[in-house]
Amino acid sequence: MARKKRRSRPDNQTPAAEVSDQRLWEVDALRGVAIIMMVISEFVAATNGIGFVIWSSRRTFDLVNMWSGVILLGLLGYGLNLLLLQLERRILAWHIASRGANNG
């Protein structure tokens, strides 16, 4: 009979650490989905805001306003991502340090 090979894990990494890593990935994914859903709902239901400007400019072929809104939305998303990454590094410094010790 062939034995099943067990997946090896570093001695200092417990299953709890694996679970917390998985949770961080889930939070990261949810943050992106939340921002996308916010923009989509603004496109559909709002009467003002960046999404409304993009949507109404698209319908009236006002390309300058439409692309200005798209670029502004991209810059806001990029800036918000940088801000949240810095906040994550500050608040979860202990976790990031422990992950770095496990990887190398």
C-alpha atoms as a PDB file:
ATOM      1  CA  MET A   1       0.000   0.000   0.000  1.00  0.00           C
ATOM      2  CA  ALA A   2       1.245   3.419  -0.896  1.00  0.00           C
ATOM      3  CA  ARG A   3       1.273   5.956   1.856  1.00  0.00           C
ATOM      4  CA  LYS A   4      -0.190   9.370   1.283  1.00  0.00           C
ATOM      5  CA  LYS A   5       2.397  12.073   1.443  1.00  0.00           C
ATOM      6  CA  ARG A   6       1.544  14.748   3.978  1.00  0.00           C
ATOM      7  CA  ARG A   7       2.044  18.329   3.024  1.00  0.00           C
ATOM      8  CA  SER A   8       4.940  19.680   4.994  1.00  0.00           C
ATOM      9  CA  ARG A   9       4.692  23.021   6.705  1.00  0.00           C
ATOM     10  CA  PRO A  10       7.420  25.022   8.413  1.00  0.00           C
ATOM     11  CA  ASP A  11       7.842  24.218  12.094  1.00  0.00           C
ATOM     12  CA  ASN A  12       6.898  27.708  13.196  1.00  0.00           C
ATOM     13  CA  GLN A  13       3.730  27.949  11.095  1.00  0.00           C
ATOM     14  CA  THR A  14       0.624  26.566  12.710  1.00  0.00           C
ATOM     15  CA  PRO A  15      -2.735  25.918  11.090  1.00  0.00           C
ATOM     16  CA  ALA A  16      -3.985  29.083  12.832  1.00  0.00           C
ATOM     17  CA  ALA A  17      -1.426  31.112  10.875  1.00  0.00           C
ATOM     18  CA  GLU A  18      -2.684  29.566   7.654  1.00  0.00           C
ATOM     19  CA  VAL A  19      -6.250  30.496   8.571  1.00  0.00           C
ATOM     20  CA  SER A  20      -5.290  34.096   9.346  1.00  0.00           C
ATOM     21  CA  ASP A  21      -3.472  34.356   5.998  1.00  0.00           C
ATOM     22  CA  GLN A  22      -6.613  33.106   4.273  1.00  0.00           C
ATOM     23  CA  ARG A  23      -8.727  35.669   6.120  1.00  0.00           C
ATOM     24  CA  LEU A  24      -6.418  38.490   4.996  1.00  0.00           C
ATOM     25  CA  TRP A  25      -6.826  37.388   1.390  1.00  0.00           C
ATOM     26  CA  GLU A  26     -10.600  37.353   1.849  1.00  0.00           C
ATOM     27  CA  VAL A  27     -10.580  40.862   3.314  1.00  0.00           C
ATOM     28  CA  ASP A  28      -8.418  42.073   0.414  1.00  0.00           C
ATOM     29  CA  ALA A  29     -10.826  40.591  -2.110  1.00  0.00           C
ATOM     30  CA  LEU A  30     -13.873  41.996  -0.325  1.00  0.00           C
ATOM     31  CA  ARG A  31     -12.336  45.467  -0.215  1.00  0.00           C
ATOM     32  CA  GLY A  32     -11.967  45.439  -3.995  1.00  0.00           C
ATOM     33  CA  VAL A  33     -15.462  44.099  -4.541  1.00  0.00           C
ATOM     34  CA  ALA A  34     -16.924  46.712  -2.173  1.00  0.00           C
ATOM     35  CA  ILE A  35     -15.342  49.576  -4.084  1.00  0.00           C
ATOM     36  CA  ILE A  36     -16.477  48.165  -7.434  1.00  0.00           C
ATOM     37  CA  MET A  37     -20.042  47.690  -6.166  1.00  0.00           C
ATOM     38  CA  MET A  38     -20.072  51.248  -4.827  1.00  0.00           C
ATOM     39  CA  VAL A  39     -19.090  52.627  -8.231  1.00  0.00           C
ATOM     40  CA  ILE A  40     -21.597  50.443 -10.090  1.00  0.00           C
ATOM     41  CA  SER A  41     -24.439  51.448  -7.776  1.00  0.00           C
ATOM     42  CA  GLU A  42     -23.529  55.093  -8.274  1.00  0.00           C
ATOM     43  CA  PHE A  43     -23.617  54.601 -12.054  1.00  0.00           C
ATOM     44  CA  VAL A  44     -27.110  53.149 -11.908  1.00  0.00           C
ATOM     45  CA  ALA A  45     -28.930  54.961  -9.122  1.00  0.00           C
ATOM     46  CA  ALA A  46     -27.255  58.295  -8.388  1.00  0.00           C
ATOM     47  CA  THR A  47     -28.198  61.772  -9.545  1.00  0.00           C
ATOM     48  CA  ASN A  48     -24.773  63.245  -8.775  1.00  0.00           C
ATOM     49  CA  GLY A  49     -21.202  62.092  -8.228  1.00  0.00           C
ATOM     50  CA  ILE A  50     -18.362  60.791 -10.367  1.00  0.00           C
ATOM     51  CA  GLY A  51     -20.251  57.727 -11.563  1.00  0.00           C
ATOM     52  CA  PHE A  52     -23.229  59.808 -12.576  1.00  0.00           C
ATOM     53  CA  VAL A  53     -20.993  62.222 -14.517  1.00  0.00           C
ATOM     54  CA  ILE A  54     -19.336  59.333 -16.361  1.00  0.00           C
ATOM     55  CA  TRP A  55     -22.671  57.671 -17.129  1.00  0.00           C
ATOM     56  CA  SER A  56     -24.456  60.817 -18.302  1.00  0.00           C
ATOM     57  CA  SER A  57     -21.415  61.996 -20.309  1.00  0.00           C
ATOM     58  CA  ARG A  58     -21.278  58.630 -22.038  1.00  0.00           C
ATOM     59  CA  ARG A  59     -24.916  58.924 -23.045  1.00  0.00           C
ATOM     60  CA  THR A  60     -24.429  62.450 -24.455  1.00  0.00           C
ATOM     61  CA  PHE A  61     -21.082  61.668 -26.155  1.00  0.00           C
ATOM     62  CA  ASP A  62     -19.231  64.212 -24.000  1.00  0.00           C
ATOM     63  CA  LEU A  63     -15.901  62.391 -24.208  1.00  0.00           C
ATOM     64  CA  VAL A  64     -13.844  64.942 -22.274  1.00  0.00           C
ATOM     65  CA  ASN A  65     -16.047  64.742 -19.178  1.00  0.00           C
ATOM     66  CA  MET A  66     -16.398  60.990 -19.485  1.00  0.00           C
ATOM     67  CA  TRP A  67     -12.655  60.314 -19.664  1.00  0.00           C
ATOM     68  CA  SER A  68     -11.950  62.902 -16.977  1.00  0.00           C
ATOM     69  CA  GLY A  69     -14.279  61.005 -14.668  1.00  0.00           C
ATOM     70  CA  VAL A  70     -12.729  57.655 -15.581  1.00  0.00           C
ATOM     71  CA  ILE A  71      -9.198  58.953 -14.943  1.00  0.00           C
ATOM     72  CA  LEU A  72     -10.268  60.617 -11.688  1.00  0.00           C
ATOM     73  CA  LEU A  73     -11.907  57.375 -10.567  1.00  0.00           C
ATOM     74  CA  GLY A  74      -8.727  55.437 -11.393  1.00  0.00           C
ATOM     75  CA  LEU A  75      -6.558  57.910  -9.470  1.00  0.00           C
ATOM     76  CA  LEU A  76      -8.910  57.777  -6.488  1.00  0.00           C
ATOM     77  CA  GLY A  77      -8.815  53.976  -6.530  1.00  0.00           C
ATOM     78  CA  TYR A  78      -5.023  53.923  -6.745  1.00  0.00           C
ATOM     79  CA  GLY A  79      -4.668  56.489  -3.949  1.00  0.00           C
ATOM     80  CA  LEU A  80      -7.160  54.657  -1.740  1.00  0.00           C
ATOM     81  CA  ASN A  81      -5.285  51.404  -2.312  1.00  0.00           C
ATOM     82  CA  LEU A  82      -1.965  53.021  -1.304  1.00  0.00           C
ATOM     83  CA  LEU A  83      -3.578  54.517   1.793  1.00  0.00           C
ATOM     84  CA  LEU A  84      -5.094  51.205   2.860  1.00  0.00           C
ATOM     85  CA  LEU A  85      -1.793  49.369   2.268  1.00  0.00           C
ATOM     86  CA  GLN A  86       0.018  51.866   4.518  1.00  0.00           C
ATOM     87  CA  LEU A  87      -2.696  51.488   7.146  1.00  0.00           C
ATOM     88  CA  GLU A  88      -2.412  47.714   6.917  1.00  0.00           C
ATOM     89  CA  ARG A  89       1.378  47.883   7.352  1.00  0.00           C
ATOM     90  CA  ARG A  90       0.975  50.038  10.428  1.00  0.00           C
ATOM     91  CA  ILE A  91      -1.832  48.140  12.114  1.00  0.00           C
ATOM     92  CA  LEU A  92      -0.707  44.627  11.154  1.00  0.00           C
ATOM     93  CA  ALA A  93       3.065  45.104  11.376  1.00  0.00           C
ATOM     94  CA  TRP A  94       3.358  42.125  13.739  1.00  0.00           C
ATOM     95  CA  HIS A  95       1.571  39.867  11.274  1.00  0.00           C
ATOM     96  CA  ILE A  96       3.557  41.007   8.257  1.00  0.00           C
ATOM     97  CA  ALA A  97       6.809  40.500  10.199  1.00  0.00           C
ATOM     98  CA  SER A  98       5.791  36.976  11.184  1.00  0.00           C
ATOM     99  CA  ARG A  99       4.896  36.133   7.580  1.00  0.00           C
ATOM    100  CA  GLY A 100       8.278  37.406   6.441  1.00  0.00           C
ATOM    101  CA  ALA A 101      10.046  35.206   9.005  1.00  0.00           C
ATOM    102  CA  ASN A 102       8.116  32.162   7.760  1.00  0.00           C
ATOM    103  CA  ASN A 103       9.009  32.810   4.115  1.00  0.00           C
ATOM    104  CA  GLY A 104      12.683  33.228   4.406  1.00  0.00           C
END
